[in-house]
Amino acid sequence: MCVFCGSNAGRSPAFAGAARDLGEALAAAGLGLVYGGGNVGLMGVVADATLAAGGEVIGVIPEALMAKELGHRGCTELRVVASMHERKALMADLADGFVALPGGLGTFEELCEVLTWSQLGFHAKPVVLLDVDGFWAPFAALLDTAVDAGFLRPPNRDLARRVANPQEALRALAAPPPLPTHKWIDRDQT
């Protein structure tokens, strides 16, 4: 499973606790971790917890970030790629589903990209928001606002499943994602 998360630990100890619990849960379920390859912040916590519990960890990190994010040398496999685009594509190819822990702009960008790919039918993999201390509530509210404003169809909004703990995340990852809907707009109608 691919986990998107911060290269910082955040202010609340609950964030690192959830990352640790998720890593342990993935390993206990026999699921490998694919992630951004760093050994700092929540990235390092989830990787270390997965490894300590006997799980497989594949890190994917761009050359330019090896020094900044301190590539995790303890991974089962650490793949160094040329660009962020290559990183995201490889992580998506290697994963059977996606979990977003708290994070910043990089986490948001990765999450939105896989949701968009799902909406467009480029993949049919589950996407789960692990909502630690209500972190993802504003994002969920934004998606609801987009539905209300007519920019997002309800089935596509449902592609992002919000859960409260790692056990719920594993259940959501095991369930098939909702089917996205496509409505291509004829430019003559706009």
N, C-alpha and C. Protein backbone atom coordinates (compact mmCIF):
# COMPACT_ATOMS: atom_id res chain seq x y z
N MET A 1 0.83 -1.17 0.00
CA MET A 1 0.00 0.00 0.00
C MET A 1 0.88 1.24 0.00
N CYS A 2 0.47 2.22 -0.75
CA CYS A 2 1.21 3.48 -0.81
C CYS A 2 0.70 4.40 0.28
N VAL A 3 1.62 4.97 1.05
CA VAL A 3 1.25 5.91 2.10
C VAL A 3 1.88 7.26 1.77
N PHE A 4 1.01 8.28 1.69
CA PHE A 4 1.44 9.66 1.54
C PHE A 4 1.42 10.28 2.92
N CYS A 5 2.49 11.00 3.29
CA CYS A 5 2.54 11.63 4.60
C CYS A 5 3.66 12.65 4.65
N GLY A 6 3.69 13.39 5.74
CA GLY A 6 4.63 14.49 5.89
C GLY A 6 6.07 14.07 6.12
N SER A 7 6.97 14.92 5.63
CA SER A 7 8.38 14.74 5.94
C SER A 7 8.71 15.44 7.26
N ASN A 8 7.69 16.02 7.88
CA ASN A 8 7.76 16.53 9.26
C ASN A 8 6.82 15.66 10.10
N ALA A 9 7.04 15.67 11.41
CA ALA A 9 6.20 14.87 12.30
C ALA A 9 4.93 15.59 12.72
N GLY A 10 4.87 16.91 12.51
CA GLY A 10 3.71 17.66 12.95
C GLY A 10 3.79 17.96 14.44
N ARG A 11 2.87 18.79 14.91
CA ARG A 11 2.91 19.21 16.32
C ARG A 11 2.31 18.20 17.28
N SER A 12 1.29 17.48 16.83
CA SER A 12 0.61 16.54 17.73
C SER A 12 1.31 15.19 17.74
N PRO A 13 1.56 14.63 18.92
CA PRO A 13 2.12 13.28 19.00
C PRO A 13 1.19 12.23 18.38
N ALA A 14 -0.09 12.56 18.25
CA ALA A 14 -1.05 11.62 17.65
C ALA A 14 -0.69 11.32 16.19
N PHE A 15 -0.07 12.25 15.50
CA PHE A 15 0.29 12.02 14.10
C PHE A 15 1.32 10.90 13.99
N ALA A 16 2.39 10.98 14.78
CA ALA A 16 3.41 9.93 14.77
C ALA A 16 2.84 8.62 15.28
N GLY A 17 1.96 8.70 16.28
CA GLY A 17 1.32 7.48 16.80
C GLY A 17 0.51 6.77 15.72
N ALA A 18 -0.23 7.53 14.92
CA ALA A 18 -1.02 6.94 13.84
C ALA A 18 -0.12 6.35 12.76
N ALA A 19 0.98 7.04 12.45
CA ALA A 19 1.92 6.53 11.45
C ALA A 19 2.53 5.22 11.92
N ARG A 20 2.90 5.17 13.18
CA ARG A 20 3.47 3.95 13.76
C ARG A 20 2.44 2.81 13.74
N ASP A 21 1.22 3.12 14.17
CA ASP A 21 0.16 2.11 14.18
C ASP A 21 -0.16 1.61 12.78
N LEU A 22 -0.15 2.51 11.80
CA LEU A 22 -0.42 2.11 10.42
C LEU A 22 0.68 1.19 9.91
N GLY A 23 1.93 1.53 10.16
CA GLY A 23 3.04 0.67 9.73
C GLY A 23 2.95 -0.71 10.32
N GLU A 24 2.64 -0.78 11.62
CA GLU A 24 2.50 -2.08 12.29
C GLU A 24 1.32 -2.86 11.72
N ALA A 25 0.21 -2.17 11.45
CA ALA A 25 -0.98 -2.83 10.90
C ALA A 25 -0.72 -3.36 9.49
N LEU A 26 -0.02 -2.59 8.68
CA LEU A 26 0.31 -3.06 7.32
C LEU A 26 1.13 -4.35 7.40
N ALA A 27 2.17 -4.33 8.23
CA ALA A 27 3.03 -5.51 8.35
C ALA A 27 2.24 -6.70 8.88
N ALA A 28 1.40 -6.48 9.90
CA ALA A 28 0.61 -7.58 10.48
C ALA A 28 -0.35 -8.18 9.45
N ALA A 29 -0.82 -7.35 8.53
CA ALA A 29 -1.75 -7.83 7.50
C ALA A 29 -1.02 -8.41 6.29
N GLY A 30 0.31 -8.41 6.33
CA GLY A 30 1.08 -8.94 5.22
C GLY A 30 1.13 -8.01 4.02
N LEU A 31 0.89 -6.72 4.26
CA LEU A 31 0.91 -5.72 3.19
C LEU A 31 2.21 -4.95 3.24
N GLY A 32 2.84 -4.79 2.10
CA GLY A 32 4.05 -4.00 2.02
C GLY A 32 3.72 -2.51 1.97
N LEU A 33 4.71 -1.70 2.31
CA LEU A 33 4.60 -0.25 2.28
C LEU A 33 5.38 0.30 1.10
N VAL A 34 4.73 1.17 0.33
CA VAL A 34 5.39 1.99 -0.69
C VAL A 34 5.22 3.42 -0.21
N TYR A 35 6.31 4.19 -0.18
CA TYR A 35 6.22 5.55 0.32
C TYR A 35 7.34 6.38 -0.27
N GLY A 36 7.42 7.64 0.14
CA GLY A 36 8.35 8.60 -0.46
C GLY A 36 9.81 8.43 -0.18
N GLY A 37 10.22 7.43 0.58
CA GLY A 37 11.63 7.08 0.72
C GLY A 37 12.43 7.82 1.77
N GLY A 38 11.83 8.77 2.49
CA GLY A 38 12.58 9.52 3.48
C GLY A 38 12.64 8.82 4.83
N ASN A 39 13.63 9.24 5.65
CA ASN A 39 13.72 8.68 7.01
C ASN A 39 13.40 9.73 8.07
N VAL A 40 12.76 10.81 7.66
CA VAL A 40 12.40 11.89 8.58
C VAL A 40 10.89 12.04 8.64
N GLY A 41 10.42 12.70 9.70
CA GLY A 41 9.00 12.99 9.83
C GLY A 41 8.14 11.74 9.88
N LEU A 42 6.89 11.90 9.46
CA LEU A 42 5.97 10.76 9.46
C LEU A 42 6.43 9.69 8.48
N MET A 43 7.14 10.11 7.42
CA MET A 43 7.66 9.11 6.47
C MET A 43 8.58 8.14 7.18
N GLY A 44 9.50 8.66 7.97
CA GLY A 44 10.41 7.80 8.70
C GLY A 44 9.70 6.93 9.73
N VAL A 45 8.71 7.51 10.40
CA VAL A 45 7.97 6.76 11.43
C VAL A 45 7.24 5.57 10.82
N VAL A 46 6.50 5.79 9.73
CA VAL A 46 5.73 4.69 9.14
C VAL A 46 6.67 3.63 8.56
N ALA A 47 7.77 4.05 7.97
CA ALA A 47 8.73 3.08 7.42
C ALA A 47 9.38 2.26 8.54
N ASP A 48 9.85 2.95 9.58
CA ASP A 48 10.50 2.25 10.69
C ASP A 48 9.55 1.26 11.36
N ALA A 49 8.29 1.67 11.55
CA ALA A 49 7.32 0.79 12.21
C ALA A 49 7.02 -0.43 11.35
N THR A 50 6.91 -0.23 10.05
CA THR A 50 6.65 -1.36 9.15
C THR A 50 7.82 -2.34 9.17
N LEU A 51 9.03 -1.80 9.09
CA LEU A 51 10.23 -2.65 9.12
C LEU A 51 10.36 -3.38 10.45
N ALA A 52 10.14 -2.67 11.56
CA ALA A 52 10.27 -3.28 12.89
C ALA A 52 9.26 -4.41 13.09
N ALA A 53 8.12 -4.32 12.40
CA ALA A 53 7.09 -5.36 12.51
C ALA A 53 7.28 -6.46 11.48
N GLY A 54 8.40 -6.41 10.74
CA GLY A 54 8.71 -7.47 9.79
C GLY A 54 8.13 -7.27 8.40
N GLY A 55 7.67 -6.06 8.09
CA GLY A 55 7.08 -5.79 6.79
C GLY A 55 8.08 -5.34 5.75
N GLU A 56 7.65 -5.43 4.50
CA GLU A 56 8.45 -4.97 3.36
C GLU A 56 8.22 -3.49 3.15
N VAL A 57 9.29 -2.73 2.88
CA VAL A 57 9.20 -1.29 2.65
C VAL A 57 9.96 -0.93 1.38
N ILE A 58 9.23 -0.33 0.44
CA ILE A 58 9.85 0.18 -0.78
C ILE A 58 9.74 1.69 -0.75
N GLY A 59 10.89 2.36 -0.70
CA GLY A 59 10.94 3.81 -0.75
C GLY A 59 11.25 4.26 -2.16
N VAL A 60 10.63 5.37 -2.56
CA VAL A 60 10.86 5.94 -3.89
C VAL A 60 11.17 7.42 -3.69
N ILE A 61 12.38 7.82 -4.03
CA ILE A 61 12.80 9.19 -3.75
C ILE A 61 13.56 9.77 -4.95
N PRO A 62 13.28 11.02 -5.31
CA PRO A 62 14.04 11.66 -6.39
C PRO A 62 15.47 11.97 -5.96
N GLU A 63 16.38 11.96 -6.91
CA GLU A 63 17.78 12.26 -6.64
C GLU A 63 17.93 13.57 -5.88
N ALA A 64 17.19 14.59 -6.29
CA ALA A 64 17.31 15.92 -5.68
C ALA A 64 16.90 15.95 -4.22
N LEU A 65 16.11 14.98 -3.79
CA LEU A 65 15.65 14.96 -2.40
C LEU A 65 16.40 13.97 -1.52
N MET A 66 17.30 13.22 -2.08
CA MET A 66 18.05 12.24 -1.28
C MET A 66 18.69 12.90 -0.07
N ALA A 67 19.38 14.03 -0.28
CA ALA A 67 20.06 14.70 0.83
C ALA A 67 19.07 15.45 1.72
N LYS A 68 18.08 16.14 1.10
CA LYS A 68 17.12 16.93 1.89
C LYS A 68 16.24 16.06 2.77
N GLU A 69 15.72 14.96 2.23
CA GLU A 69 14.82 14.10 2.98
C GLU A 69 15.54 12.92 3.60
N LEU A 70 16.86 12.90 3.44
CA LEU A 70 17.65 11.84 4.04
C LEU A 70 17.07 10.47 3.71
N GLY A 71 17.29 10.04 2.48
CA GLY A 71 16.78 8.75 2.01
C GLY A 71 16.99 7.65 3.04
N HIS A 72 15.97 6.89 3.27
CA HIS A 72 15.97 5.83 4.29
C HIS A 72 16.79 4.64 3.80
N ARG A 73 17.95 4.46 4.37
CA ARG A 73 18.87 3.38 3.93
C ARG A 73 18.45 2.01 4.46
N GLY A 74 17.48 1.96 5.37
CA GLY A 74 17.06 0.69 5.93
C GLY A 74 15.90 0.03 5.20
N CYS A 75 15.42 0.69 4.15
CA CYS A 75 14.29 0.13 3.40
C CYS A 75 14.65 -1.23 2.81
N THR A 76 13.65 -2.05 2.62
CA THR A 76 13.84 -3.31 1.91
C THR A 76 14.42 -3.00 0.53
N GLU A 77 13.88 -1.94 -0.06
CA GLU A 77 14.35 -1.48 -1.36
C GLU A 77 14.17 0.03 -1.42
N LEU A 78 15.20 0.76 -1.83
CA LEU A 78 15.12 2.21 -2.01
C LEU A 78 15.41 2.51 -3.47
N ARG A 79 14.40 3.02 -4.14
CA ARG A 79 14.54 3.35 -5.56
C ARG A 79 14.73 4.86 -5.69
N VAL A 80 15.84 5.24 -6.31
CA VAL A 80 16.14 6.64 -6.55
C VAL A 80 15.78 6.94 -8.00
N VAL A 81 14.90 7.94 -8.19
CA VAL A 81 14.40 8.28 -9.52
C VAL A 81 14.82 9.70 -9.87
N ALA A 82 14.60 10.08 -11.12
CA ALA A 82 15.07 11.37 -11.62
C ALA A 82 14.18 12.55 -11.20
N SER A 83 12.88 12.34 -11.03
CA SER A 83 11.99 13.49 -10.81
C SER A 83 10.83 13.12 -9.90
N MET A 84 10.12 14.16 -9.46
CA MET A 84 8.91 13.97 -8.66
C MET A 84 7.85 13.26 -9.49
N HIS A 85 7.76 13.58 -10.76
CA HIS A 85 6.77 12.93 -11.63
C HIS A 85 7.04 11.42 -11.69
N GLU A 86 8.30 11.08 -11.85
CA GLU A 86 8.68 9.67 -11.89
C GLU A 86 8.39 8.99 -10.55
N ARG A 87 8.64 9.70 -9.47
CA ARG A 87 8.38 9.18 -8.12
C ARG A 87 6.91 8.80 -7.96
N LYS A 88 6.03 9.75 -8.28
CA LYS A 88 4.60 9.52 -8.10
C LYS A 88 4.09 8.40 -9.01
N ALA A 89 4.56 8.38 -10.24
CA ALA A 89 4.11 7.33 -11.17
C ALA A 89 4.56 5.96 -10.69
N LEU A 90 5.80 5.84 -10.23
CA LEU A 90 6.30 4.55 -9.75
C LEU A 90 5.57 4.12 -8.48
N MET A 91 5.37 5.04 -7.56
CA MET A 91 4.65 4.71 -6.33
C MET A 91 3.24 4.20 -6.66
N ALA A 92 2.58 4.87 -7.59
CA ALA A 92 1.22 4.46 -7.98
C ALA A 92 1.24 3.09 -8.65
N ASP A 93 2.24 2.84 -9.50
CA ASP A 93 2.33 1.54 -10.17
C ASP A 93 2.58 0.41 -9.18
N LEU A 94 3.38 0.65 -8.17
CA LEU A 94 3.74 -0.38 -7.20
C LEU A 94 2.64 -0.68 -6.19
N ALA A 95 1.70 0.24 -6.03
CA ALA A 95 0.70 0.14 -4.96
C ALA A 95 -0.61 -0.47 -5.43
N ASP A 96 -1.30 -1.11 -4.49
CA ASP A 96 -2.65 -1.62 -4.72
C ASP A 96 -3.70 -0.70 -4.10
N GLY A 97 -3.27 0.32 -3.39
CA GLY A 97 -4.16 1.28 -2.76
C GLY A 97 -3.34 2.38 -2.12
N PHE A 98 -4.03 3.42 -1.64
CA PHE A 98 -3.37 4.62 -1.13
C PHE A 98 -3.97 5.04 0.20
N VAL A 99 -3.10 5.42 1.14
CA VAL A 99 -3.52 5.97 2.43
C VAL A 99 -2.81 7.31 2.59
N ALA A 100 -3.57 8.34 2.94
CA ALA A 100 -2.99 9.65 3.23
C ALA A 100 -3.05 9.90 4.73
N LEU A 101 -1.88 10.01 5.33
CA LEU A 101 -1.73 10.47 6.71
C LEU A 101 -1.62 11.99 6.66
N PRO A 102 -1.60 12.68 7.78
CA PRO A 102 -1.38 14.12 7.74
C PRO A 102 -0.06 14.47 7.05
N GLY A 103 -0.05 15.63 6.44
CA GLY A 103 1.14 16.12 5.75
C GLY A 103 0.88 17.50 5.20
N GLY A 104 1.81 17.98 4.41
CA GLY A 104 1.73 19.32 3.84
C GLY A 104 1.44 19.30 2.35
N LEU A 105 1.99 20.26 1.65
CA LEU A 105 1.69 20.44 0.23
C LEU A 105 1.99 19.19 -0.60
N GLY A 106 3.10 18.54 -0.33
CA GLY A 106 3.45 17.33 -1.09
C GLY A 106 2.42 16.23 -0.90
N THR A 107 1.97 16.05 0.33
CA THR A 107 0.94 15.06 0.62
C THR A 107 -0.36 15.41 -0.08
N PHE A 108 -0.74 16.70 -0.01
CA PHE A 108 -1.98 17.14 -0.67
C PHE A 108 -1.89 16.89 -2.18
N GLU A 109 -0.75 17.23 -2.75
CA GLU A 109 -0.58 17.10 -4.19
C GLU A 109 -0.64 15.64 -4.62
N GLU A 110 0.04 14.77 -3.89
CA GLU A 110 0.02 13.34 -4.21
C GLU A 110 -1.40 12.77 -4.09
N LEU A 111 -2.08 13.14 -3.01
CA LEU A 111 -3.44 12.68 -2.78
C LEU A 111 -4.37 13.14 -3.91
N CYS A 112 -4.32 14.43 -4.22
CA CYS A 112 -5.20 14.95 -5.27
C CYS A 112 -4.90 14.32 -6.63
N GLU A 113 -3.65 14.03 -6.89
CA GLU A 113 -3.33 13.40 -8.17
C GLU A 113 -3.91 11.99 -8.27
N VAL A 114 -3.78 11.17 -7.22
CA VAL A 114 -4.33 9.82 -7.32
C VAL A 114 -5.85 9.84 -7.32
N LEU A 115 -6.47 10.82 -6.65
CA LEU A 115 -7.93 10.95 -6.72
C LEU A 115 -8.35 11.34 -8.14
N THR A 116 -7.62 12.25 -8.75
CA THR A 116 -7.92 12.65 -10.13
C THR A 116 -7.75 11.47 -11.07
N TRP A 117 -6.66 10.72 -10.91
CA TRP A 117 -6.44 9.54 -11.76
C TRP A 117 -7.58 8.54 -11.60
N SER A 118 -8.08 8.40 -10.37
CA SER A 118 -9.19 7.49 -10.14
C SER A 118 -10.45 8.02 -10.83
N GLN A 119 -10.72 9.30 -10.65
CA GLN A 119 -11.90 9.91 -11.27
C GLN A 119 -11.88 9.74 -12.78
N LEU A 120 -10.70 9.83 -13.37
CA LEU A 120 -10.56 9.70 -14.82
C LEU A 120 -10.52 8.25 -15.30
N GLY A 121 -10.52 7.32 -14.35
CA GLY A 121 -10.50 5.91 -14.72
C GLY A 121 -9.11 5.37 -15.04
N PHE A 122 -8.06 6.10 -14.64
CA PHE A 122 -6.69 5.63 -14.89
C PHE A 122 -6.29 4.52 -13.93
N HIS A 123 -6.98 4.40 -12.81
CA HIS A 123 -6.79 3.28 -11.89
C HIS A 123 -8.09 3.06 -11.13
N ALA A 124 -8.21 1.91 -10.52
CA ALA A 124 -9.39 1.58 -9.71
C ALA A 124 -8.92 1.09 -8.34
N LYS A 125 -8.02 1.85 -7.73
CA LYS A 125 -7.45 1.50 -6.44
C LYS A 125 -8.08 2.36 -5.35
N PRO A 126 -8.30 1.81 -4.17
CA PRO A 126 -8.91 2.59 -3.09
C PRO A 126 -7.98 3.70 -2.60
N VAL A 127 -8.61 4.81 -2.18
CA VAL A 127 -7.90 5.97 -1.62
C VAL A 127 -8.52 6.28 -0.27
N VAL A 128 -7.69 6.27 0.77
CA VAL A 128 -8.17 6.41 2.14
C VAL A 128 -7.47 7.58 2.83
N LEU A 129 -8.26 8.39 3.53
CA LEU A 129 -7.74 9.47 4.35
C LEU A 129 -7.74 9.00 5.80
N LEU A 130 -6.58 8.83 6.39
CA LEU A 130 -6.50 8.44 7.80
C LEU A 130 -6.58 9.73 8.62
N ASP A 131 -7.76 9.99 9.14
CA ASP A 131 -8.12 11.27 9.75
C ASP A 131 -7.70 11.34 11.21
N VAL A 132 -6.45 11.69 11.43
CA VAL A 132 -5.90 11.79 12.78
C VAL A 132 -6.27 13.15 13.36
N ASP A 133 -6.95 13.14 14.50
CA ASP A 133 -7.36 14.38 15.19
C ASP A 133 -8.11 15.35 14.27
N GLY A 134 -8.91 14.82 13.34
CA GLY A 134 -9.70 15.68 12.46
C GLY A 134 -8.90 16.38 11.38
N PHE A 135 -7.66 15.93 11.13
CA PHE A 135 -6.80 16.61 10.16
C PHE A 135 -7.45 16.74 8.79
N TRP A 136 -8.13 15.69 8.32
CA TRP A 136 -8.70 15.69 6.98
C TRP A 136 -10.10 16.27 6.92
N ALA A 137 -10.67 16.70 8.03
CA ALA A 137 -12.03 17.26 8.02
C ALA A 137 -12.16 18.47 7.09
N PRO A 138 -11.22 19.42 7.10
CA PRO A 138 -11.35 20.55 6.16
C PRO A 138 -11.26 20.12 4.69
N PHE A 139 -10.44 19.12 4.40
CA PHE A 139 -10.36 18.62 3.02
C PHE A 139 -11.67 17.98 2.61
N ALA A 140 -12.25 17.17 3.51
CA ALA A 140 -13.55 16.54 3.23
C ALA A 140 -14.62 17.61 3.03
N ALA A 141 -14.58 18.67 3.83
CA ALA A 141 -15.53 19.76 3.68
C ALA A 141 -15.35 20.47 2.34
N LEU A 142 -14.10 20.62 1.90
CA LEU A 142 -13.84 21.23 0.60
C LEU A 142 -14.42 20.38 -0.53
N LEU A 143 -14.26 19.06 -0.43
CA LEU A 143 -14.85 18.17 -1.43
C LEU A 143 -16.37 18.31 -1.44
N ASP A 144 -16.99 18.40 -0.25
CA ASP A 144 -18.43 18.58 -0.17
C ASP A 144 -18.85 19.90 -0.79
N THR A 145 -18.06 20.95 -0.57
CA THR A 145 -18.34 22.25 -1.17
C THR A 145 -18.26 22.16 -2.69
N ALA A 146 -17.29 21.42 -3.20
CA ALA A 146 -17.16 21.24 -4.65
C ALA A 146 -18.37 20.51 -5.23
N VAL A 147 -18.91 19.55 -4.48
CA VAL A 147 -20.13 18.86 -4.91
C VAL A 147 -21.29 19.86 -4.94
N ASP A 148 -21.46 20.61 -3.84
CA ASP A 148 -22.56 21.57 -3.75
C ASP A 148 -22.48 22.63 -4.85
N ALA A 149 -21.27 23.00 -5.24
CA ALA A 149 -21.08 24.03 -6.26
C ALA A 149 -21.16 23.48 -7.68
N GLY A 150 -21.30 22.16 -7.80
CA GLY A 150 -21.44 21.57 -9.12
C GLY A 150 -20.13 21.27 -9.85
N PHE A 151 -19.02 21.26 -9.12
CA PHE A 151 -17.73 20.95 -9.73
C PHE A 151 -17.29 19.51 -9.54
N LEU A 152 -17.96 18.78 -8.68
CA LEU A 152 -17.58 17.41 -8.38
C LEU A 152 -18.85 16.59 -8.21
N ARG A 153 -18.90 15.47 -8.88
CA ARG A 153 -20.06 14.59 -8.76
C ARG A 153 -19.96 13.78 -7.47
N PRO A 154 -21.08 13.51 -6.81
CA PRO A 154 -21.03 12.76 -5.54
C PRO A 154 -20.27 11.44 -5.62
N PRO A 155 -20.41 10.62 -6.68
CA PRO A 155 -19.62 9.38 -6.70
C PRO A 155 -18.11 9.65 -6.73
N ASN A 156 -17.71 10.74 -7.37
CA ASN A 156 -16.28 11.07 -7.42
C ASN A 156 -15.81 11.61 -6.07
N ARG A 157 -16.68 12.31 -5.36
CA ARG A 157 -16.34 12.78 -4.02
C ARG A 157 -16.10 11.58 -3.11
N ASP A 158 -16.87 10.52 -3.31
CA ASP A 158 -16.77 9.33 -2.48
C ASP A 158 -15.51 8.51 -2.73
N LEU A 159 -14.72 8.89 -3.74
CA LEU A 159 -13.46 8.19 -3.98
C LEU A 159 -12.48 8.37 -2.83
N ALA A 160 -12.61 9.45 -2.07
CA ALA A 160 -11.77 9.70 -0.90
C ALA A 160 -12.52 9.24 0.34
N ARG A 161 -12.12 8.10 0.89
CA ARG A 161 -12.80 7.54 2.06
C ARG A 161 -12.06 7.98 3.32
N ARG A 162 -12.77 8.62 4.22
CA ARG A 162 -12.19 9.13 5.46
C ARG A 162 -12.43 8.13 6.58
N VAL A 163 -11.34 7.72 7.26
CA VAL A 163 -11.43 6.74 8.34
C VAL A 163 -10.71 7.27 9.57
N ALA A 164 -11.01 6.66 10.72
CA ALA A 164 -10.51 7.17 11.99
C ALA A 164 -9.25 6.48 12.50
N ASN A 165 -8.95 5.26 12.02
CA ASN A 165 -7.80 4.54 12.58
C ASN A 165 -7.26 3.55 11.55
N PRO A 166 -6.06 3.00 11.81
CA PRO A 166 -5.46 2.09 10.84
C PRO A 166 -6.29 0.84 10.55
N GLN A 167 -7.02 0.33 11.53
CA GLN A 167 -7.84 -0.87 11.29
C GLN A 167 -8.95 -0.55 10.29
N GLU A 168 -9.58 0.62 10.43
CA GLU A 168 -10.60 1.04 9.46
C GLU A 168 -9.96 1.27 8.09
N ALA A 169 -8.74 1.78 8.09
CA ALA A 169 -8.03 2.01 6.83
C ALA A 169 -7.83 0.68 6.09
N LEU A 170 -7.41 -0.35 6.82
CA LEU A 170 -7.20 -1.66 6.18
C LEU A 170 -8.51 -2.22 5.63
N ARG A 171 -9.61 -2.04 6.37
CA ARG A 171 -10.91 -2.50 5.87
C ARG A 171 -11.30 -1.73 4.61
N ALA A 172 -11.08 -0.43 4.62
CA ALA A 172 -11.42 0.39 3.45
C ALA A 172 -10.55 0.04 2.26
N LEU A 173 -9.29 -0.29 2.51
CA LEU A 173 -8.39 -0.67 1.42
C LEU A 173 -8.79 -2.01 0.81
N ALA A 174 -9.40 -2.88 1.61
CA ALA A 174 -9.82 -4.19 1.12
C ALA A 174 -11.10 -4.12 0.30
N ALA A 175 -11.87 -3.06 0.48
CA ALA A 175 -13.14 -2.92 -0.24
C ALA A 175 -12.89 -2.26 -1.59
N PRO A 176 -13.63 -2.65 -2.61
CA PRO A 176 -13.44 -1.99 -3.91
C PRO A 176 -13.84 -0.52 -3.82
N PRO A 177 -13.14 0.34 -4.54
CA PRO A 177 -13.49 1.76 -4.51
C PRO A 177 -14.81 1.98 -5.25
N PRO A 178 -15.51 3.07 -4.92
CA PRO A 178 -16.72 3.37 -5.67
C PRO A 178 -16.36 3.64 -7.13
N LEU A 179 -17.29 3.41 -8.00
CA LEU A 179 -17.04 3.66 -9.42
C LEU A 179 -17.12 5.16 -9.70
N PRO A 180 -16.10 5.72 -10.33
CA PRO A 180 -16.15 7.14 -10.67
C PRO A 180 -17.14 7.37 -11.81
N THR A 181 -17.57 8.59 -11.94
CA THR A 181 -18.42 8.93 -13.08
C THR A 181 -17.70 9.96 -13.92
N HIS A 182 -17.87 9.84 -15.21
CA HIS A 182 -17.25 10.78 -16.14
C HIS A 182 -18.35 11.49 -16.90
N LYS A 183 -18.21 12.76 -17.05
CA LYS A 183 -19.11 13.50 -17.93
C LYS A 183 -18.22 14.48 -18.67
N TRP A 184 -17.97 14.17 -19.90
CA TRP A 184 -17.12 15.04 -20.70
C TRP A 184 -17.99 16.18 -21.21
N ILE A 185 -17.49 17.37 -21.11
CA ILE A 185 -18.25 18.56 -21.50
C ILE A 185 -17.90 18.91 -22.93
N ASP A 186 -18.93 19.10 -23.72
CA ASP A 186 -18.76 19.55 -25.10
C ASP A 186 -18.46 21.04 -25.04
N ARG A 187 -17.36 21.45 -25.61
CA ARG A 187 -16.95 22.86 -25.55
C ARG A 187 -18.02 23.80 -26.14
N ASP A 188 -18.81 23.30 -27.08
CA ASP A 188 -19.87 24.13 -27.67
C ASP A 188 -21.00 24.39 -26.68
N GLN A 189 -21.07 23.60 -25.59
CA GLN A 189 -22.13 23.77 -24.62
C GLN A 189 -21.72 24.67 -23.46
N THR A 190 -20.47 25.07 -23.41
CA THR A 190 -20.02 25.90 -22.27
C THR A 190 -20.18 27.36 -22.55
